[in-house]
């Protein structure tokens, strides 16, 4: 659980987006509803339940919609792993069938790209699921 009440507005968006990207679903903010009088009546333990709101920011409609849009375009770790393995197998298998040096060069480049993408599997596995 994260409380972002004390953050300045210019940092709030950055922190909330980072926490959402890391799949945190409990990001809270405290809001005083009553007019402050700047004495002991404003202290948390002196407030009644109607004097303040402590809400989960990830449950708001705009944040929920944004999270859904982000996750719609994010591939998961398992899908990424399967995609890399399939492309690599196709590249290797077609290398045995092809006689043309130009086609072999293209297949070699595809295999290079897939090898580089395979290096990202631990990152996608950690943050993509």
Protein backbone atom coordinates (compact mmCIF):
# COMPACT_ATOMS: atom_id res chain seq x y z
CA UNK A 1 0.00 0.00 0.00
CA UNK A 2 1.28 3.44 -0.91
CA UNK A 3 0.08 6.79 0.42
CA UNK A 4 0.83 9.61 -2.01
CA UNK A 5 -0.84 12.38 0.00
CA UNK A 6 2.36 14.29 0.76
CA UNK A 7 3.58 14.40 -2.84
CA UNK A 8 3.62 17.63 -4.77
CA UNK A 9 1.33 17.66 -7.80
CA UNK A 10 4.22 17.63 -10.28
CA UNK A 11 5.50 14.37 -8.74
CA UNK A 12 2.11 12.78 -8.15
CA UNK A 13 1.52 11.76 -11.76
CA UNK A 14 5.02 10.29 -12.09
CA UNK A 15 4.73 8.24 -8.90
CA UNK A 16 1.20 7.01 -9.59
CA UNK A 17 2.10 5.98 -13.16
CA UNK A 18 5.22 4.18 -11.92
CA UNK A 19 3.24 2.31 -9.26
CA UNK A 20 0.52 1.39 -11.77
CA UNK A 21 3.17 0.15 -14.21
CA UNK A 22 4.53 -2.06 -11.41
CA UNK A 23 1.00 -3.46 -10.94
CA UNK A 24 0.35 -1.79 -7.59
CA UNK A 25 -3.38 -1.58 -6.97
CA UNK A 26 -3.38 0.20 -3.61
CA UNK A 27 -2.40 3.84 -4.06
CA UNK A 28 -4.16 6.07 -1.54
CA UNK A 29 -4.60 9.79 -1.09
CA UNK A 30 -5.99 11.72 1.90
CA UNK A 31 -8.28 14.67 1.25
CA UNK A 32 -9.63 16.95 3.97
CA UNK A 33 -13.27 17.78 3.19
CA UNK A 34 -13.99 20.32 5.89
CA UNK A 35 -12.61 23.81 5.91
CA UNK A 36 -9.32 23.77 7.86
CA UNK A 37 -9.08 25.80 11.07
CA UNK A 38 -5.35 25.09 11.56
CA UNK A 39 -5.49 23.83 15.12
CA UNK A 40 -5.94 20.49 16.89
CA UNK A 41 -9.37 19.99 15.33
CA UNK A 42 -7.64 19.32 12.00
CA UNK A 43 -5.52 16.47 13.36
CA UNK A 44 -6.42 13.07 11.99
CA UNK A 45 -7.53 11.56 15.31
CA UNK A 46 -9.93 14.49 15.91
CA UNK A 47 -11.68 14.24 12.54
CA UNK A 48 -14.99 12.47 12.05
CA UNK A 49 -15.57 10.13 9.12
CA UNK A 50 -17.36 12.86 7.16
CA UNK A 51 -14.48 15.32 7.52
CA UNK A 52 -12.09 13.52 5.18
CA UNK A 53 -11.79 11.07 2.31
CA UNK A 54 -9.06 8.43 2.08
CA UNK A 55 -9.48 6.98 -1.37
CA UNK A 56 -7.73 4.46 -3.55
CA UNK A 57 -6.63 6.32 -6.67
CA UNK A 58 -6.57 3.14 -8.79
CA UNK A 59 -10.32 2.71 -8.28
CA UNK A 60 -11.18 6.01 -9.96
CA UNK A 61 -12.70 5.77 -13.43
CA UNK A 62 -9.96 7.75 -15.27
CA UNK A 63 -7.11 5.73 -13.72
CA UNK A 64 -8.92 2.41 -14.31
CA UNK A 65 -9.52 3.32 -17.95
CA UNK A 66 -5.88 4.34 -18.40
CA UNK A 67 -4.65 1.10 -16.83
CA UNK A 68 -6.87 -0.92 -19.17
CA UNK A 69 -5.56 0.98 -22.21
CA UNK A 70 -1.95 0.40 -21.13
CA UNK A 71 -2.48 -3.30 -20.44
CA UNK A 72 -4.31 -3.80 -23.75
CA UNK A 73 -1.09 -2.91 -25.60
CA UNK A 74 1.29 -4.74 -23.25
CA UNK A 75 2.23 -8.31 -24.04
CA UNK A 76 2.73 -10.74 -21.21
CA UNK A 77 5.91 -12.64 -20.48
CA UNK A 78 4.60 -16.04 -21.57
CA UNK A 79 3.32 -14.73 -24.90
CA UNK A 80 6.62 -12.93 -25.47
CA UNK A 81 8.61 -16.10 -24.74
CA UNK A 82 6.47 -18.18 -27.11
CA UNK A 83 6.75 -15.53 -29.84
CA UNK A 84 10.56 -15.41 -29.56
CA UNK A 85 10.89 -19.21 -29.60
CA UNK A 86 8.55 -19.62 -32.60
CA UNK A 87 10.35 -16.98 -34.67
CA UNK A 88 13.72 -18.48 -33.75
CA UNK A 89 12.58 -21.99 -34.72
CA UNK A 90 11.22 -20.74 -38.05
CA UNK A 91 14.49 -18.93 -38.76
CA UNK A 92 16.60 -21.98 -37.91
CA UNK A 93 14.35 -24.41 -39.82
CA UNK A 94 14.28 -22.22 -42.91
CA UNK A 95 18.07 -21.99 -42.79
CA UNK A 96 18.26 -25.69 -43.64
CA UNK A 97 15.88 -25.36 -46.58
CA UNK A 98 17.20 -22.21 -48.26
CA UNK A 99 19.98 -22.39 -50.86
CA UNK A 100 20.16 -18.70 -51.76
CA UNK A 101 22.88 -16.66 -49.97
CA UNK A 102 20.66 -13.57 -49.94
CA UNK A 103 17.83 -15.40 -48.21
CA UNK A 104 20.30 -16.95 -45.78
CA UNK A 105 21.54 -13.45 -44.93
CA UNK A 106 17.98 -12.29 -44.23
CA UNK A 107 17.34 -15.33 -42.03
CA UNK A 108 20.59 -14.63 -40.20
CA UNK A 109 19.48 -11.05 -39.51
CA UNK A 110 16.10 -12.27 -38.24
CA UNK A 111 17.87 -14.71 -35.93
CA UNK A 112 20.08 -11.85 -34.67
CA UNK A 113 17.02 -9.73 -33.87
CA UNK A 114 15.31 -12.63 -32.11
CA UNK A 115 18.44 -13.25 -30.06
CA UNK A 116 18.46 -9.62 -28.96
CA UNK A 117 14.75 -9.79 -28.13
CA UNK A 118 15.38 -12.94 -26.10
CA UNK A 119 17.62 -10.89 -23.83
CA UNK A 120 14.52 -8.90 -22.81
CA UNK A 121 12.65 -11.98 -21.55
CA UNK A 122 13.63 -11.45 -17.88
CA UNK A 123 12.45 -7.83 -18.04
CA UNK A 124 9.16 -8.69 -19.74
CA UNK A 125 8.64 -11.58 -17.33
CA UNK A 126 9.08 -9.25 -14.34
CA UNK A 127 6.95 -6.31 -15.50
CA UNK A 128 4.74 -7.68 -18.27
CA UNK A 129 2.54 -10.13 -16.33
